[in-house]
Protein backbone atom coordinates (compact mmCIF):
# COMPACT_ATOMS: atom_id res chain seq x y z
CA MET A 1 -13.39 8.03 1.20
CA ALA A 2 -9.77 7.51 0.24
CA ARG A 3 -8.64 4.07 -0.84
CA LEU A 4 -5.08 2.90 -0.76
CA THR A 5 -3.77 -0.03 -2.73
CA LEU A 6 -1.12 -2.33 -1.35
CA VAL A 7 0.60 -4.20 -4.17
CA SER A 8 1.91 -7.37 -2.55
CA ARG A 9 2.70 -11.03 -2.97
CA SER A 10 0.94 -13.88 -1.24
CA TYR A 11 4.19 -15.35 0.11
CA CYS A 12 5.76 -12.04 1.23
CA HIS A 13 6.07 -11.68 5.00
CA LEU A 14 6.99 -7.99 4.64
CA CYS A 15 3.73 -7.47 2.74
CA ASP A 16 1.82 -9.08 5.60
CA GLU A 17 3.63 -6.83 8.06
CA MET A 18 2.77 -3.69 6.08
CA ALA A 19 -0.88 -4.73 5.84
CA LEU A 20 -0.97 -5.05 9.64
CA ALA A 21 0.89 -1.76 10.13
CA LEU A 22 -1.65 0.01 7.90
CA ARG A 23 -4.58 -0.94 10.15
CA PRO A 24 -4.11 1.90 12.67
CA LEU A 25 -3.77 4.46 9.85
CA SER A 26 -6.81 3.01 8.16
CA ALA A 27 -8.85 3.39 11.35
CA GLU A 28 -7.46 6.85 12.13
CA PHE A 29 -8.23 8.28 8.68
CA GLY A 30 -11.25 6.15 7.79
CA ILE A 31 -9.63 4.72 4.67
CA ASP A 32 -9.88 1.36 3.00
CA VAL A 33 -6.85 -0.60 1.90
CA ASP A 34 -7.17 -2.89 -1.09
CA ILE A 35 -4.55 -5.64 -1.21
CA VAL A 36 -3.64 -6.71 -4.73
CA ASP A 37 -1.42 -9.69 -5.59
CA VAL A 38 1.13 -8.45 -8.12
CA ASP A 39 1.47 -11.95 -9.57
CA ALA A 40 -2.23 -12.04 -10.47
CA ASP A 41 -2.08 -8.88 -12.60
CA SER A 42 0.31 -8.81 -15.56
CA GLU A 43 0.22 -5.01 -15.80
CA LEU A 44 1.15 -4.57 -12.14
CA LYS A 45 3.79 -7.28 -12.39
CA ALA A 46 5.41 -5.57 -15.37
CA ARG A 47 5.53 -2.30 -13.45
CA TYR A 48 6.29 -3.35 -9.85
CA ASP A 49 7.68 -6.91 -9.94
CA GLU A 50 11.01 -6.19 -8.23
CA GLN A 51 9.67 -3.26 -6.18
CA VAL A 52 6.97 -5.15 -4.31
CA LEU A 53 5.74 -4.19 -1.88
CA VAL A 54 4.24 -0.88 -2.96
CA LEU A 55 1.61 1.36 -1.37
CA LEU A 56 -0.38 3.46 -3.84
CA HIS A 57 -3.09 6.10 -3.78
CA GLU A 58 -4.82 6.64 -7.11
CA GLY A 59 -1.75 5.31 -8.92
CA SER A 60 0.74 7.51 -7.05
CA GLU A 61 3.42 5.64 -5.12
CA LEU A 62 3.48 6.54 -1.44
CA CYS A 63 6.17 4.09 -0.37
CA HIS A 64 7.66 0.72 -1.20
CA TYR A 65 9.52 -2.05 0.63
CA PHE A 66 8.38 -0.70 4.02
CA LEU A 67 5.72 1.59 5.45
CA GLU A 68 6.88 5.16 6.02
CA VAL A 69 4.26 5.96 8.66
CA ALA A 70 5.03 9.68 9.03
CA LYS A 71 5.03 10.21 5.26
CA VAL A 72 1.76 8.34 4.74
CA ARG A 73 0.12 10.07 7.73
CA ASP A 74 1.16 13.47 6.35
CA TYR A 75 -0.15 12.56 2.89
CA LEU A 76 -3.48 11.33 4.26
CA SER A 77 -3.87 14.49 6.34
CA LYS A 78 -3.52 16.58 3.17
CA ILE A 79 -6.05 14.65 1.08
CA ARG A 80 -8.66 14.44 3.81
């Protein structure tokens, strides 16, 4: 099963919106989404601090700032 990682911040409303927007894709493709607070991980903060929010799969960036549904759907179709 594929797992995506959403690098977010606890006080970021855009992060909350992306997490909600990922739910249909998660159900459609049977994937899990791990939500990680960038401020709780110094390595992630050093890498993504100003780019949050970021959606990753196995360390590869799928999108940041907003969910590109078509791009993520296409990517998930290929790794299925």
